[in-house]
Amino acid sequence: MSVVTNATPLIYLTKIGKLLLLKRIFGSVIIPEEVRKELVDKGKKLGKPDAFIIEQAIEEGWLKVEIAKKLSLPMKLHAGEEAVIAIAKEKKVKKVIIDEIAARTAAKIMGLTPKGTIYILLKALAIKEITLEEFIDLLAKLLEVGFRLKEEIYLEAIKKAKEIART
């Protein structure tokens, strides 16, 4: 099962040292060329350590870079977000990993199932890649590195994680 992801989930999963969760959950992950340019090319110029980690995942072959065809969308999004939706539609991949609200809305309108960074951590918990304690620690780490999360979503994530851990 493959998935197409935008830059934000890659950035934050890398910042908390959990990029490999994507590989463990989905096997292979597709990113648009626009996302690769943003994260790897620009990131390396800025000296961001995340850029080298993401580049390594691309070299290992589980993070696959694709060129998106132009797609008409119901709203204006960033180039990377538009490309994620376009690739998902073209490859008939249902799930996209996007955190931004406007892009998630556009994905839903286009018949896709948008999920976010928190979903990755919950999924990792469900397949026993991480423990409940690790989940809670990783959620705190996300906030420490600048991930924006509404309080009600934070509380909902903890509640859901506890339910998963009980099963």
N, C-alpha and C. Protein backbone atom coordinates (compact mmCIF):
# COMPACT_ATOMS: atom_id res chain seq x y z
N MET A 1 0.85 -1.19 0.00
CA MET A 1 0.00 0.00 0.00
C MET A 1 0.89 1.24 0.00
N SER A 2 0.68 2.09 -0.96
CA SER A 2 1.46 3.31 -1.06
C SER A 2 0.63 4.51 -0.63
N VAL A 3 1.32 5.59 -0.38
CA VAL A 3 0.69 6.82 0.05
C VAL A 3 1.47 7.99 -0.56
N VAL A 4 0.81 9.12 -0.76
CA VAL A 4 1.49 10.31 -1.25
C VAL A 4 1.51 11.32 -0.11
N THR A 5 2.67 11.93 0.13
CA THR A 5 2.77 12.86 1.25
C THR A 5 3.32 14.22 0.83
N ASN A 6 2.92 15.21 1.58
CA ASN A 6 3.38 16.58 1.41
C ASN A 6 4.60 16.81 2.30
N ALA A 7 5.16 17.99 2.25
CA ALA A 7 6.39 18.32 2.97
C ALA A 7 6.24 18.32 4.50
N THR A 8 5.17 18.91 5.00
CA THR A 8 5.05 19.10 6.46
C THR A 8 5.18 17.79 7.26
N PRO A 9 4.46 16.72 6.92
CA PRO A 9 4.64 15.48 7.68
C PRO A 9 6.08 14.95 7.63
N LEU A 10 6.73 15.08 6.47
CA LEU A 10 8.12 14.64 6.35
C LEU A 10 9.03 15.46 7.26
N ILE A 11 8.82 16.76 7.26
CA ILE A 11 9.64 17.66 8.08
C ILE A 11 9.52 17.28 9.56
N TYR A 12 8.29 17.17 10.04
CA TYR A 12 8.10 16.94 11.47
C TYR A 12 8.46 15.51 11.90
N LEU A 13 8.18 14.53 11.07
CA LEU A 13 8.58 13.16 11.42
C LEU A 13 10.11 13.06 11.46
N THR A 14 10.78 13.77 10.57
CA THR A 14 12.25 13.79 10.58
C THR A 14 12.77 14.50 11.82
N LYS A 15 12.16 15.63 12.16
CA LYS A 15 12.60 16.40 13.34
C LYS A 15 12.50 15.59 14.64
N ILE A 16 11.51 14.68 14.71
CA ILE A 16 11.37 13.87 15.94
C ILE A 16 12.03 12.49 15.79
N GLY A 17 12.78 12.31 14.70
CA GLY A 17 13.53 11.07 14.50
C GLY A 17 12.67 9.87 14.12
N LYS A 18 11.51 10.11 13.50
CA LYS A 18 10.59 9.01 13.20
C LYS A 18 10.17 8.93 11.73
N LEU A 19 11.01 9.40 10.82
CA LEU A 19 10.69 9.33 9.40
C LEU A 19 10.45 7.89 8.94
N LEU A 20 11.22 6.96 9.51
CA LEU A 20 11.09 5.55 9.10
C LEU A 20 9.72 4.93 9.41
N LEU A 21 8.93 5.59 10.27
CA LEU A 21 7.58 5.08 10.52
C LEU A 21 6.78 5.02 9.22
N LEU A 22 7.01 5.99 8.33
CA LEU A 22 6.31 5.99 7.04
C LEU A 22 6.63 4.72 6.26
N LYS A 23 7.89 4.34 6.25
CA LYS A 23 8.33 3.12 5.54
C LYS A 23 7.70 1.88 6.18
N ARG A 24 7.72 1.85 7.51
CA ARG A 24 7.19 0.67 8.22
C ARG A 24 5.68 0.52 8.04
N ILE A 25 4.97 1.63 7.95
CA ILE A 25 3.51 1.61 7.82
C ILE A 25 3.09 1.35 6.37
N PHE A 26 3.72 2.04 5.43
CA PHE A 26 3.24 2.01 4.04
C PHE A 26 4.15 1.26 3.07
N GLY A 27 5.37 0.95 3.47
CA GLY A 27 6.30 0.29 2.56
C GLY A 27 6.98 1.32 1.67
N SER A 28 6.22 1.87 0.72
CA SER A 28 6.80 2.93 -0.11
C SER A 28 5.92 4.17 -0.01
N VAL A 29 6.57 5.30 -0.14
CA VAL A 29 5.91 6.59 0.01
C VAL A 29 6.29 7.44 -1.20
N ILE A 30 5.31 8.10 -1.77
CA ILE A 30 5.55 8.95 -2.94
C ILE A 30 5.54 10.41 -2.51
N ILE A 31 6.51 11.16 -3.04
CA ILE A 31 6.50 12.61 -2.84
C ILE A 31 6.62 13.27 -4.22
N PRO A 32 5.98 14.40 -4.41
CA PRO A 32 6.13 15.14 -5.66
C PRO A 32 7.53 15.75 -5.78
N GLU A 33 7.96 15.97 -7.00
CA GLU A 33 9.24 16.65 -7.26
C GLU A 33 9.27 18.01 -6.54
N GLU A 34 8.14 18.71 -6.49
CA GLU A 34 8.08 20.01 -5.80
C GLU A 34 8.46 19.89 -4.33
N VAL A 35 8.02 18.80 -3.70
CA VAL A 35 8.34 18.56 -2.28
C VAL A 35 9.83 18.23 -2.13
N ARG A 36 10.36 17.43 -3.06
CA ARG A 36 11.79 17.09 -3.01
C ARG A 36 12.64 18.36 -3.12
N LYS A 37 12.27 19.23 -4.06
CA LYS A 37 13.02 20.48 -4.24
C LYS A 37 12.98 21.33 -2.97
N GLU A 38 11.77 21.43 -2.40
CA GLU A 38 11.59 22.24 -1.19
C GLU A 38 12.40 21.69 -0.01
N LEU A 39 12.31 20.38 0.19
CA LEU A 39 12.94 19.79 1.37
C LEU A 39 14.42 19.50 1.19
N VAL A 40 14.79 18.93 0.04
CA VAL A 40 16.18 18.52 -0.15
C VAL A 40 17.03 19.66 -0.70
N ASP A 41 16.67 20.19 -1.87
CA ASP A 41 17.50 21.23 -2.50
C ASP A 41 17.59 22.49 -1.63
N LYS A 42 16.43 23.05 -1.29
CA LYS A 42 16.44 24.27 -0.47
C LYS A 42 16.99 23.97 0.93
N GLY A 43 16.58 22.83 1.48
CA GLY A 43 17.03 22.44 2.83
C GLY A 43 18.54 22.31 2.94
N LYS A 44 19.16 21.70 1.92
CA LYS A 44 20.63 21.55 1.94
C LYS A 44 21.31 22.91 1.83
N LYS A 45 20.76 23.81 0.99
CA LYS A 45 21.33 25.16 0.86
C LYS A 45 21.28 25.90 2.20
N LEU A 46 20.19 25.62 2.96
CA LEU A 46 20.03 26.28 4.27
C LEU A 46 20.74 25.53 5.39
N GLY A 47 21.36 24.40 5.05
CA GLY A 47 22.09 23.61 6.04
C GLY A 47 21.20 22.86 7.02
N LYS A 48 19.99 22.53 6.60
CA LYS A 48 19.05 21.82 7.48
C LYS A 48 19.37 20.32 7.49
N PRO A 49 19.61 19.74 8.68
CA PRO A 49 19.95 18.31 8.76
C PRO A 49 18.83 17.41 8.19
N ASP A 50 17.58 17.86 8.31
CA ASP A 50 16.44 17.08 7.79
C ASP A 50 16.61 16.78 6.31
N ALA A 51 17.19 17.73 5.57
CA ALA A 51 17.34 17.60 4.12
C ALA A 51 18.16 16.36 3.77
N PHE A 52 19.21 16.10 4.52
CA PHE A 52 20.10 14.98 4.25
C PHE A 52 19.44 13.65 4.60
N ILE A 53 18.63 13.65 5.65
CA ILE A 53 17.90 12.44 6.07
C ILE A 53 16.86 12.09 5.02
N ILE A 54 16.14 13.08 4.53
CA ILE A 54 15.12 12.86 3.51
C ILE A 54 15.77 12.43 2.19
N GLU A 55 16.90 13.05 1.85
CA GLU A 55 17.63 12.66 0.64
C GLU A 55 18.08 11.20 0.72
N GLN A 56 18.53 10.78 1.90
CA GLN A 56 18.95 9.39 2.10
C GLN A 56 17.78 8.43 1.88
N ALA A 57 16.60 8.79 2.37
CA ALA A 57 15.40 7.94 2.18
C ALA A 57 15.08 7.81 0.69
N ILE A 58 15.29 8.88 -0.07
CA ILE A 58 15.06 8.85 -1.51
C ILE A 58 16.09 7.92 -2.16
N GLU A 59 17.35 8.04 -1.73
CA GLU A 59 18.42 7.18 -2.27
C GLU A 59 18.17 5.71 -1.93
N GLU A 60 17.61 5.44 -0.75
CA GLU A 60 17.29 4.06 -0.36
C GLU A 60 16.15 3.49 -1.19
N GLY A 61 15.37 4.37 -1.82
CA GLY A 61 14.33 3.92 -2.73
C GLY A 61 12.93 3.75 -2.16
N TRP A 62 12.76 3.88 -0.86
CA TRP A 62 11.40 3.73 -0.31
C TRP A 62 10.62 5.05 -0.37
N LEU A 63 11.35 6.16 -0.45
CA LEU A 63 10.73 7.47 -0.66
C LEU A 63 10.92 7.78 -2.14
N LYS A 64 9.83 7.72 -2.88
CA LYS A 64 9.88 7.83 -4.34
C LYS A 64 9.41 9.20 -4.81
N VAL A 65 10.19 9.79 -5.70
CA VAL A 65 9.87 11.11 -6.24
C VAL A 65 9.15 10.95 -7.57
N GLU A 66 8.02 11.62 -7.71
CA GLU A 66 7.22 11.56 -8.95
C GLU A 66 6.97 12.98 -9.47
N ILE A 67 6.80 13.07 -10.77
CA ILE A 67 6.45 14.35 -11.40
C ILE A 67 4.92 14.38 -11.52
N ALA A 68 4.34 15.46 -11.05
CA ALA A 68 2.87 15.59 -11.09
C ALA A 68 2.43 16.23 -12.40
N LYS A 69 1.32 15.72 -12.93
CA LYS A 69 0.68 16.36 -14.08
C LYS A 69 -0.22 17.46 -13.53
N LYS A 70 -0.44 18.50 -14.32
CA LYS A 70 -1.29 19.61 -13.88
C LYS A 70 -2.73 19.11 -13.67
N LEU A 71 -3.33 19.55 -12.61
CA LEU A 71 -4.68 19.14 -12.26
C LEU A 71 -5.47 20.39 -11.86
N SER A 72 -6.70 20.47 -12.31
CA SER A 72 -7.54 21.60 -11.93
C SER A 72 -8.16 21.31 -10.57
N LEU A 73 -7.90 22.19 -9.61
CA LEU A 73 -8.40 22.00 -8.24
C LEU A 73 -9.42 23.08 -7.90
N PRO A 74 -10.31 22.78 -6.93
CA PRO A 74 -11.35 23.74 -6.55
C PRO A 74 -10.85 24.96 -5.79
N MET A 75 -9.59 24.94 -5.38
CA MET A 75 -9.03 26.08 -4.63
C MET A 75 -7.54 26.18 -4.87
N LYS A 76 -6.97 27.33 -4.59
CA LYS A 76 -5.54 27.57 -4.79
C LYS A 76 -4.77 27.02 -3.60
N LEU A 77 -3.78 26.17 -3.89
CA LEU A 77 -2.94 25.59 -2.85
C LEU A 77 -1.47 25.84 -3.19
N HIS A 78 -0.58 25.50 -2.27
CA HIS A 78 0.85 25.54 -2.57
C HIS A 78 1.15 24.49 -3.64
N ALA A 79 2.20 24.70 -4.38
CA ALA A 79 2.57 23.79 -5.48
C ALA A 79 2.72 22.34 -4.99
N GLY A 80 3.35 22.15 -3.84
CA GLY A 80 3.55 20.80 -3.31
C GLY A 80 2.24 20.10 -2.97
N GLU A 81 1.31 20.86 -2.38
CA GLU A 81 0.00 20.30 -2.02
C GLU A 81 -0.79 19.93 -3.27
N GLU A 82 -0.77 20.81 -4.28
CA GLU A 82 -1.45 20.52 -5.55
C GLU A 82 -0.87 19.26 -6.18
N ALA A 83 0.46 19.16 -6.14
CA ALA A 83 1.15 18.01 -6.75
C ALA A 83 0.80 16.70 -6.02
N VAL A 84 0.69 16.76 -4.69
CA VAL A 84 0.31 15.56 -3.90
C VAL A 84 -1.04 15.04 -4.39
N ILE A 85 -2.00 15.95 -4.51
CA ILE A 85 -3.35 15.57 -4.93
C ILE A 85 -3.35 15.04 -6.37
N ALA A 86 -2.59 15.72 -7.25
CA ALA A 86 -2.52 15.31 -8.65
C ALA A 86 -1.93 13.90 -8.79
N ILE A 87 -0.85 13.64 -8.07
CA ILE A 87 -0.20 12.32 -8.14
C ILE A 87 -1.12 11.24 -7.57
N ALA A 88 -1.77 11.54 -6.45
CA ALA A 88 -2.68 10.56 -5.83
C ALA A 88 -3.81 10.20 -6.80
N LYS A 89 -4.37 11.22 -7.46
CA LYS A 89 -5.45 10.97 -8.42
C LYS A 89 -4.94 10.13 -9.60
N GLU A 90 -3.80 10.50 -10.14
CA GLU A 90 -3.23 9.81 -11.30
C GLU A 90 -2.89 8.35 -10.99
N LYS A 91 -2.31 8.11 -9.82
CA LYS A 91 -1.87 6.76 -9.43
C LYS A 91 -2.97 5.97 -8.72
N LYS A 92 -4.14 6.59 -8.57
CA LYS A 92 -5.27 5.97 -7.87
C LYS A 92 -4.89 5.53 -6.44
N VAL A 93 -4.16 6.41 -5.78
CA VAL A 93 -3.79 6.22 -4.37
C VAL A 93 -4.82 7.01 -3.57
N LYS A 94 -5.55 6.34 -2.71
CA LYS A 94 -6.65 6.96 -1.96
C LYS A 94 -6.16 7.91 -0.85
N LYS A 95 -5.09 7.47 -0.15
CA LYS A 95 -4.66 8.20 1.04
C LYS A 95 -3.54 9.19 0.74
N VAL A 96 -3.72 10.41 1.24
CA VAL A 96 -2.67 11.43 1.16
C VAL A 96 -2.35 11.91 2.57
N ILE A 97 -1.08 12.18 2.81
CA ILE A 97 -0.67 12.66 4.13
C ILE A 97 -0.39 14.16 4.00
N ILE A 98 -1.33 14.94 4.52
CA ILE A 98 -1.28 16.40 4.44
C ILE A 98 -1.81 16.96 5.76
N ASP A 99 -1.10 17.93 6.32
CA ASP A 99 -1.55 18.52 7.58
C ASP A 99 -2.35 19.81 7.41
N GLU A 100 -2.11 20.54 6.33
CA GLU A 100 -2.75 21.84 6.13
C GLU A 100 -4.25 21.69 5.85
N ILE A 101 -5.07 22.47 6.52
CA ILE A 101 -6.53 22.36 6.43
C ILE A 101 -7.07 22.58 5.02
N ALA A 102 -6.63 23.63 4.33
CA ALA A 102 -7.14 23.91 2.98
C ALA A 102 -6.82 22.74 2.03
N ALA A 103 -5.61 22.21 2.14
CA ALA A 103 -5.20 21.10 1.27
C ALA A 103 -6.00 19.83 1.60
N ARG A 104 -6.29 19.62 2.88
CA ARG A 104 -7.10 18.45 3.28
C ARG A 104 -8.51 18.58 2.71
N THR A 105 -9.06 19.79 2.75
CA THR A 105 -10.39 20.05 2.19
C THR A 105 -10.40 19.77 0.69
N ALA A 106 -9.39 20.29 -0.02
CA ALA A 106 -9.29 20.06 -1.46
C ALA A 106 -9.17 18.56 -1.76
N ALA A 107 -8.38 17.85 -0.96
CA ALA A 107 -8.20 16.41 -1.15
C ALA A 107 -9.54 15.68 -1.00
N LYS A 108 -10.32 16.07 0.02
CA LYS A 108 -11.64 15.46 0.22
C LYS A 108 -12.56 15.73 -0.97
N ILE A 109 -12.56 16.97 -1.45
CA ILE A 109 -13.39 17.32 -2.60
C ILE A 109 -13.00 16.47 -3.81
N MET A 110 -11.71 16.16 -3.93
CA MET A 110 -11.22 15.37 -5.06
C MET A 110 -11.36 13.86 -4.84
N GLY A 111 -12.05 13.48 -3.75
CA GLY A 111 -12.32 12.06 -3.50
C GLY A 111 -11.21 11.30 -2.82
N LEU A 112 -10.27 12.02 -2.22
CA LEU A 112 -9.16 11.37 -1.53
C LEU A 112 -9.41 11.34 -0.02
N THR A 113 -8.60 10.56 0.68
CA THR A 113 -8.70 10.47 2.13
C THR A 113 -7.46 11.12 2.74
N PRO A 114 -7.58 12.37 3.19
CA PRO A 114 -6.41 13.01 3.79
C PRO A 114 -6.20 12.58 5.24
N LYS A 115 -4.96 12.33 5.57
CA LYS A 115 -4.55 12.00 6.94
C LYS A 115 -3.38 12.90 7.26
N GLY A 116 -3.00 12.96 8.55
CA GLY A 116 -1.92 13.86 8.93
C GLY A 116 -0.83 13.17 9.73
N THR A 117 0.06 13.98 10.23
CA THR A 117 1.21 13.48 11.00
C THR A 117 0.76 12.70 12.23
N ILE A 118 -0.28 13.17 12.92
CA ILE A 118 -0.78 12.48 14.12
C ILE A 118 -1.29 11.09 13.74
N TYR A 119 -1.94 10.99 12.58
CA TYR A 119 -2.42 9.69 12.09
C TYR A 119 -1.25 8.69 11.98
N ILE A 120 -0.10 9.17 11.50
CA ILE A 120 1.07 8.30 11.35
C ILE A 120 1.48 7.74 12.72
N LEU A 121 1.50 8.60 13.71
CA LEU A 121 1.87 8.15 15.06
C LEU A 121 0.84 7.17 15.62
N LEU A 122 -0.44 7.45 15.40
CA LEU A 122 -1.50 6.53 15.87
C LEU A 122 -1.40 5.18 15.16
N LYS A 123 -1.13 5.22 13.87
CA LYS A 123 -0.99 3.98 13.08
C LYS A 123 0.23 3.19 13.58
N ALA A 124 1.32 3.90 13.88
CA ALA A 124 2.53 3.25 14.40
C ALA A 124 2.23 2.57 15.74
N LEU A 125 1.42 3.21 16.55
CA LEU A 125 1.01 2.64 17.83
C LEU A 125 0.17 1.38 17.59
N ALA A 126 -0.75 1.46 16.64
CA ALA A 126 -1.65 0.34 16.34
C ALA A 126 -0.88 -0.89 15.85
N ILE A 127 0.21 -0.67 15.09
CA ILE A 127 0.97 -1.83 14.59
C ILE A 127 2.16 -2.15 15.51
N LYS A 128 2.15 -1.56 16.70
CA LYS A 128 3.14 -1.83 17.75
C LYS A 128 4.57 -1.42 17.39
N GLU A 129 4.69 -0.39 16.54
CA GLU A 129 6.01 0.17 16.23
C GLU A 129 6.47 1.08 17.36
N ILE A 130 5.48 1.65 18.08
CA ILE A 130 5.77 2.49 19.24
C ILE A 130 4.79 2.11 20.35
N THR A 131 5.16 2.45 21.58
CA THR A 131 4.29 2.19 22.73
C THR A 131 3.45 3.44 23.01
N LEU A 132 2.49 3.31 23.90
CA LEU A 132 1.66 4.45 24.30
C LEU A 132 2.54 5.56 24.90
N GLU A 133 3.51 5.17 25.72
CA GLU A 133 4.41 6.15 26.34
C GLU A 133 5.20 6.89 25.26
N GLU A 134 5.69 6.13 24.27
CA GLU A 134 6.43 6.76 23.16
C GLU A 134 5.51 7.70 22.38
N PHE A 135 4.28 7.27 22.15
CA PHE A 135 3.31 8.12 21.43
C PHE A 135 3.17 9.46 22.13
N ILE A 136 2.96 9.42 23.45
CA ILE A 136 2.78 10.65 24.24
C ILE A 136 4.05 11.50 24.19
N ASP A 137 5.22 10.86 24.30
CA ASP A 137 6.49 11.59 24.21
C ASP A 137 6.67 12.22 22.82
N LEU A 138 6.34 11.47 21.78
CA LEU A 138 6.49 11.98 20.40
C LEU A 138 5.55 13.15 20.14
N LEU A 139 4.35 13.08 20.69
CA LEU A 139 3.40 14.18 20.55
C LEU A 139 3.98 15.45 21.20
N ALA A 140 4.56 15.29 22.38
CA ALA A 140 5.20 16.41 23.09
C ALA A 140 6.39 16.94 22.27
N LYS A 141 7.19 16.01 21.70
CA LYS A 141 8.33 16.42 20.87
C LYS A 141 7.88 17.21 19.65
N LEU A 142 6.78 16.77 19.03
CA LEU A 142 6.24 17.49 17.86
C LEU A 142 5.97 18.95 18.23
N LEU A 143 5.32 19.15 19.39
CA LEU A 143 5.00 20.50 19.84
C LEU A 143 6.28 21.30 20.11
N GLU A 144 7.29 20.63 20.70
CA GLU A 144 8.57 21.29 21.00
C GLU A 144 9.26 21.80 19.73
N VAL A 145 9.12 21.04 18.63
CA VAL A 145 9.81 21.43 17.38
C VAL A 145 8.94 22.31 16.48
N GLY A 146 7.81 22.80 17.04
CA GLY A 146 7.02 23.79 16.33
C GLY A 146 5.77 23.30 15.61
N PHE A 147 5.42 22.04 15.79
CA PHE A 147 4.20 21.51 15.17
C PHE A 147 3.00 22.18 15.83
N ARG A 148 2.09 22.71 15.01
CA ARG A 148 0.92 23.39 15.56
C ARG A 148 -0.23 22.40 15.68
N LEU A 149 -0.82 22.38 16.87
CA LEU A 149 -1.88 21.42 17.16
C LEU A 149 -2.88 22.07 18.11
N LYS A 150 -4.14 22.08 17.69
CA LYS A 150 -5.18 22.63 18.57
C LYS A 150 -5.31 21.73 19.79
N GLU A 151 -5.63 22.34 20.91
CA GLU A 151 -5.74 21.60 22.17
C GLU A 151 -6.73 20.44 22.06
N GLU A 152 -7.89 20.68 21.41
CA GLU A 152 -8.88 19.60 21.32
C GLU A 152 -8.38 18.43 20.47
N ILE A 153 -7.57 18.73 19.46
CA ILE A 153 -7.02 17.64 18.64
C ILE A 153 -5.95 16.89 19.42
N TYR A 154 -5.16 17.61 20.20
CA TYR A 154 -4.16 16.99 21.07
C TYR A 154 -4.84 16.01 22.04
N LEU A 155 -5.89 16.50 22.69
CA LEU A 155 -6.61 15.66 23.66
C LEU A 155 -7.28 14.47 22.98
N GLU A 156 -7.84 14.68 21.79
CA GLU A 156 -8.46 13.60 21.01
C GLU A 156 -7.42 12.55 20.62
N ALA A 157 -6.23 13.00 20.25
CA ALA A 157 -5.15 12.08 19.87
C ALA A 157 -4.74 11.21 21.06
N ILE A 158 -4.63 11.80 22.22
CA ILE A 158 -4.26 11.04 23.44
C ILE A 158 -5.36 10.01 23.75
N LYS A 159 -6.61 10.45 23.67
CA LYS A 159 -7.75 9.56 23.94
C LYS A 159 -7.73 8.37 22.97
N LYS A 160 -7.54 8.67 21.68
CA LYS A 160 -7.52 7.63 20.67
C LYS A 160 -6.34 6.67 20.88
N ALA A 161 -5.20 7.24 21.25
CA ALA A 161 -4.00 6.42 21.51
C ALA A 161 -4.24 5.46 22.68
N LYS A 162 -4.91 5.95 23.71
CA LYS A 162 -5.21 5.09 24.87
C LYS A 162 -6.16 3.96 24.47
N GLU A 163 -7.14 4.27 23.60
CA GLU A 163 -8.04 3.22 23.08
C GLU A 163 -7.27 2.17 22.29
N ILE A 164 -6.39 2.63 21.43
CA ILE A 164 -5.57 1.71 20.61
C ILE A 164 -4.70 0.84 21.51
N ALA A 165 -4.10 1.44 22.50
CA ALA A 165 -3.20 0.71 23.41
C ALA A 165 -3.95 -0.36 24.20
N ARG A 166 -5.23 -0.12 24.46
CA ARG A 166 -6.05 -1.10 25.22
C ARG A 166 -6.40 -2.33 24.39
N THR A 167 -6.43 -2.20 23.06
CA THR A 167 -6.86 -3.32 22.23
C THR A 167 -5.72 -4.27 21.87
